[in-house]
Amino acid sequence: MDSHQKLLALVRSKLAHQLQEEASLPWLADTDPLAPAGVDSVLLITVVGELEQELGVTLPDDAVLESASISSLATALDRGDRR
């Protein structure tokens, strides 16, 4: 599994935990918008904070708000500033 695939799985797992859903979120594709899936800005910021801490990266606020899908969030994390 490459690093982007690992990031996708990690983002999916964190979102599922916050949504209290099955870890794989089988009903949500990587490119599906997060807002219609029930991910509001507060939940997204919580998940991003956990991911930044775990991965040792920092994302600019605009990157977080532009992360409209699991895939775009994983890409932003991959490009984030390493601490």
N, C-alpha and C. Protein backbone atom coordinates (compact mmCIF):
# COMPACT_ATOMS: atom_id res chain seq x y z
N MET A 1 0.85 -1.18 0.00
CA MET A 1 0.00 0.00 0.00
C MET A 1 0.90 1.24 0.00
N ASP A 2 0.67 2.16 -0.94
CA ASP A 2 1.51 3.36 -0.99
C ASP A 2 1.06 4.38 0.06
N SER A 3 1.85 5.44 0.20
CA SER A 3 1.59 6.40 1.27
C SER A 3 0.25 7.11 1.09
N HIS A 4 -0.14 7.39 -0.16
CA HIS A 4 -1.44 8.06 -0.37
C HIS A 4 -2.58 7.13 0.04
N GLN A 5 -2.47 5.86 -0.28
CA GLN A 5 -3.50 4.89 0.12
C GLN A 5 -3.60 4.79 1.64
N LYS A 6 -2.44 4.82 2.30
CA LYS A 6 -2.42 4.78 3.77
C LYS A 6 -3.10 6.03 4.34
N LEU A 7 -2.82 7.19 3.75
CA LEU A 7 -3.46 8.43 4.20
C LEU A 7 -4.97 8.38 3.98
N LEU A 8 -5.40 7.86 2.84
CA LEU A 8 -6.84 7.73 2.57
C LEU A 8 -7.50 6.87 3.65
N ALA A 9 -6.87 5.75 3.98
CA ALA A 9 -7.42 4.84 4.99
C ALA A 9 -7.45 5.51 6.37
N LEU A 10 -6.42 6.27 6.69
CA LEU A 10 -6.35 6.95 7.98
C LEU A 10 -7.42 8.04 8.08
N VAL A 11 -7.57 8.85 7.04
CA VAL A 11 -8.60 9.89 7.02
C VAL A 11 -9.98 9.26 7.16
N ARG A 12 -10.21 8.20 6.40
CA ARG A 12 -11.50 7.50 6.43
C ARG A 12 -11.79 6.97 7.85
N SER A 13 -10.79 6.39 8.48
CA SER A 13 -10.94 5.84 9.82
C SER A 13 -11.28 6.93 10.84
N LYS A 14 -10.55 8.06 10.77
CA LYS A 14 -10.79 9.17 11.71
C LYS A 14 -12.19 9.75 11.51
N LEU A 15 -12.60 9.92 10.26
CA LEU A 15 -13.94 10.45 9.99
C LEU A 15 -15.00 9.49 10.50
N ALA A 16 -14.80 8.21 10.26
CA ALA A 16 -15.76 7.20 10.71
C ALA A 16 -15.92 7.24 12.22
N HIS A 17 -14.80 7.37 12.92
CA HIS A 17 -14.83 7.43 14.38
C HIS A 17 -15.67 8.63 14.84
N GLN A 18 -15.42 9.80 14.25
CA GLN A 18 -16.15 11.00 14.63
C GLN A 18 -17.64 10.90 14.27
N LEU A 19 -17.94 10.23 13.16
CA LEU A 19 -19.33 10.07 12.72
C LEU A 19 -20.02 8.89 13.41
N GLN A 20 -19.23 8.14 14.19
CA GLN A 20 -19.72 6.93 14.86
C GLN A 20 -20.31 5.95 13.84
N GLU A 21 -19.52 5.72 12.80
CA GLU A 21 -19.90 4.83 11.71
C GLU A 21 -18.88 3.70 11.59
N GLU A 22 -19.20 2.73 10.75
CA GLU A 22 -18.29 1.62 10.45
C GLU A 22 -16.98 2.20 9.89
N ALA A 23 -15.87 1.67 10.34
CA ALA A 23 -14.54 2.24 10.04
C ALA A 23 -14.27 2.45 8.56
N SER A 24 -14.81 1.62 7.69
CA SER A 24 -14.50 1.74 6.27
C SER A 24 -15.40 2.74 5.54
N LEU A 25 -16.43 3.27 6.21
CA LEU A 25 -17.39 4.18 5.58
C LEU A 25 -17.73 3.71 4.16
N PRO A 26 -18.29 2.49 4.03
CA PRO A 26 -18.50 1.91 2.70
C PRO A 26 -19.41 2.75 1.79
N TRP A 27 -20.21 3.60 2.36
CA TRP A 27 -21.16 4.40 1.59
C TRP A 27 -20.58 5.73 1.11
N LEU A 28 -19.30 6.01 1.46
CA LEU A 28 -18.69 7.29 1.10
C LEU A 28 -17.44 7.04 0.25
N ALA A 29 -17.50 7.47 -1.01
CA ALA A 29 -16.35 7.33 -1.91
C ALA A 29 -15.29 8.37 -1.56
N ASP A 30 -14.05 8.10 -1.93
CA ASP A 30 -12.94 9.02 -1.63
C ASP A 30 -13.16 10.42 -2.20
N THR A 31 -13.88 10.51 -3.31
CA THR A 31 -14.06 11.81 -3.97
C THR A 31 -15.43 12.43 -3.67
N ASP A 32 -16.27 11.76 -2.87
CA ASP A 32 -17.57 12.33 -2.51
C ASP A 32 -17.38 13.55 -1.62
N PRO A 33 -18.21 14.59 -1.81
CA PRO A 33 -18.14 15.75 -0.92
C PRO A 33 -18.47 15.33 0.52
N LEU A 34 -17.76 15.92 1.47
CA LEU A 34 -17.96 15.54 2.88
C LEU A 34 -19.19 16.19 3.51
N ALA A 35 -19.52 17.40 3.11
CA ALA A 35 -20.65 18.11 3.74
C ALA A 35 -21.97 17.32 3.66
N PRO A 36 -22.36 16.81 2.49
CA PRO A 36 -23.61 16.05 2.43
C PRO A 36 -23.58 14.75 3.26
N ALA A 37 -22.37 14.30 3.60
CA ALA A 37 -22.22 13.08 4.40
C ALA A 37 -22.33 13.38 5.89
N GLY A 38 -22.57 14.65 6.24
CA GLY A 38 -22.74 15.01 7.64
C GLY A 38 -21.48 15.53 8.30
N VAL A 39 -20.47 15.84 7.51
CA VAL A 39 -19.22 16.36 8.06
C VAL A 39 -19.27 17.89 8.00
N ASP A 40 -19.53 18.50 9.15
CA ASP A 40 -19.55 19.96 9.20
C ASP A 40 -18.16 20.49 9.50
N SER A 41 -18.01 21.81 9.53
CA SER A 41 -16.68 22.40 9.72
C SER A 41 -16.08 22.06 11.07
N VAL A 42 -16.90 21.98 12.11
CA VAL A 42 -16.38 21.64 13.45
C VAL A 42 -15.82 20.22 13.46
N LEU A 43 -16.57 19.28 12.90
CA LEU A 43 -16.11 17.89 12.85
C LEU A 43 -14.85 17.79 11.99
N LEU A 44 -14.83 18.49 10.87
CA LEU A 44 -13.66 18.44 9.99
C LEU A 44 -12.42 18.99 10.70
N ILE A 45 -12.57 20.10 11.41
CA ILE A 45 -11.43 20.68 12.14
C ILE A 45 -10.95 19.73 13.23
N THR A 46 -11.87 19.04 13.90
CA THR A 46 -11.50 18.06 14.92
C THR A 46 -10.68 16.93 14.30
N VAL A 47 -11.16 16.39 13.19
CA VAL A 47 -10.47 15.29 12.52
C VAL A 47 -9.10 15.74 12.02
N VAL A 48 -9.04 16.92 11.42
CA VAL A 48 -7.77 17.43 10.90
C VAL A 48 -6.78 17.64 12.05
N GLY A 49 -7.25 18.15 13.17
CA GLY A 49 -6.37 18.32 14.33
C GLY A 49 -5.77 17.01 14.79
N GLU A 50 -6.60 15.97 14.84
CA GLU A 50 -6.10 14.64 15.23
C GLU A 50 -5.07 14.13 14.23
N LEU A 51 -5.36 14.31 12.94
CA LEU A 51 -4.45 13.84 11.90
C LEU A 51 -3.14 14.62 11.90
N GLU A 52 -3.21 15.94 12.10
CA GLU A 52 -1.99 16.74 12.17
C GLU A 52 -1.11 16.26 13.31
N GLN A 53 -1.72 16.01 14.46
CA GLN A 53 -0.98 15.54 15.64
C GLN A 53 -0.33 14.18 15.36
N GLU A 54 -1.12 13.27 14.83
CA GLU A 54 -0.63 11.91 14.58
C GLU A 54 0.46 11.85 13.52
N LEU A 55 0.32 12.68 12.48
CA LEU A 55 1.26 12.63 11.36
C LEU A 55 2.42 13.63 11.50
N GLY A 56 2.31 14.54 12.48
CA GLY A 56 3.37 15.53 12.65
C GLY A 56 3.42 16.54 11.52
N VAL A 57 2.26 16.93 11.01
CA VAL A 57 2.19 17.94 9.95
C VAL A 57 1.28 19.08 10.40
N THR A 58 1.41 20.19 9.72
CA THR A 58 0.54 21.34 9.97
C THR A 58 -0.06 21.77 8.64
N LEU A 59 -1.37 21.97 8.65
CA LEU A 59 -2.05 22.43 7.44
C LEU A 59 -2.50 23.88 7.64
N PRO A 60 -2.38 24.69 6.59
CA PRO A 60 -2.94 26.03 6.67
C PRO A 60 -4.47 25.94 6.76
N ASP A 61 -5.08 26.90 7.43
CA ASP A 61 -6.54 26.86 7.61
C ASP A 61 -7.30 26.76 6.30
N ASP A 62 -6.83 27.45 5.26
CA ASP A 62 -7.55 27.39 3.99
C ASP A 62 -7.49 26.00 3.36
N ALA A 63 -6.43 25.26 3.60
CA ALA A 63 -6.34 23.89 3.08
C ALA A 63 -7.39 23.00 3.75
N VAL A 64 -7.63 23.25 5.03
CA VAL A 64 -8.62 22.46 5.76
C VAL A 64 -10.01 22.74 5.19
N LEU A 65 -10.32 24.01 5.02
CA LEU A 65 -11.66 24.37 4.56
C LEU A 65 -11.89 23.98 3.10
N GLU A 66 -10.82 23.86 2.33
CA GLU A 66 -10.94 23.45 0.93
C GLU A 66 -11.00 21.93 0.79
N SER A 67 -10.80 21.21 1.87
CA SER A 67 -10.79 19.75 1.82
C SER A 67 -12.23 19.23 1.78
N ALA A 68 -12.71 19.11 0.58
CA ALA A 68 -14.12 18.76 0.38
C ALA A 68 -14.36 17.26 0.26
N SER A 69 -13.29 16.47 0.30
CA SER A 69 -13.45 15.02 0.17
C SER A 69 -12.32 14.32 0.93
N ILE A 70 -12.47 13.02 1.11
CA ILE A 70 -11.42 12.23 1.75
C ILE A 70 -10.13 12.34 0.94
N SER A 71 -10.25 12.26 -0.37
CA SER A 71 -9.08 12.32 -1.23
C SER A 71 -8.37 13.67 -1.15
N SER A 72 -9.12 14.77 -1.18
CA SER A 72 -8.46 16.08 -1.12
C SER A 72 -7.84 16.34 0.25
N LEU A 73 -8.44 15.80 1.30
CA LEU A 73 -7.86 15.95 2.63
C LEU A 73 -6.57 15.14 2.74
N ALA A 74 -6.56 13.94 2.20
CA ALA A 74 -5.34 13.11 2.22
C ALA A 74 -4.22 13.79 1.43
N THR A 75 -4.57 14.38 0.30
CA THR A 75 -3.57 15.09 -0.50
C THR A 75 -3.01 16.29 0.25
N ALA A 76 -3.90 17.05 0.92
CA ALA A 76 -3.44 18.20 1.71
C ALA A 76 -2.51 17.76 2.83
N LEU A 77 -2.84 16.65 3.50
CA LEU A 77 -1.99 16.13 4.58
C LEU A 77 -0.63 15.69 4.05
N ASP A 78 -0.63 15.09 2.87
CA ASP A 78 0.62 14.65 2.25
C ASP A 78 1.52 15.82 1.93
N ARG A 79 0.92 16.96 1.59
CA ARG A 79 1.68 18.16 1.23
C ARG A 79 1.90 19.10 2.42
N GLY A 80 1.37 18.75 3.59
CA GLY A 80 1.46 19.62 4.76
C GLY A 80 2.89 19.84 5.23
N ASP A 81 3.08 20.92 5.96
CA ASP A 81 4.40 21.25 6.51
C ASP A 81 4.74 20.28 7.64
N ARG A 82 5.88 19.64 7.51
CA ARG A 82 6.35 18.71 8.55
C ARG A 82 6.84 19.50 9.76
N ARG A 83 6.49 19.01 10.93
CA ARG A 83 6.94 19.69 12.16
C ARG A 83 8.31 19.20 12.57
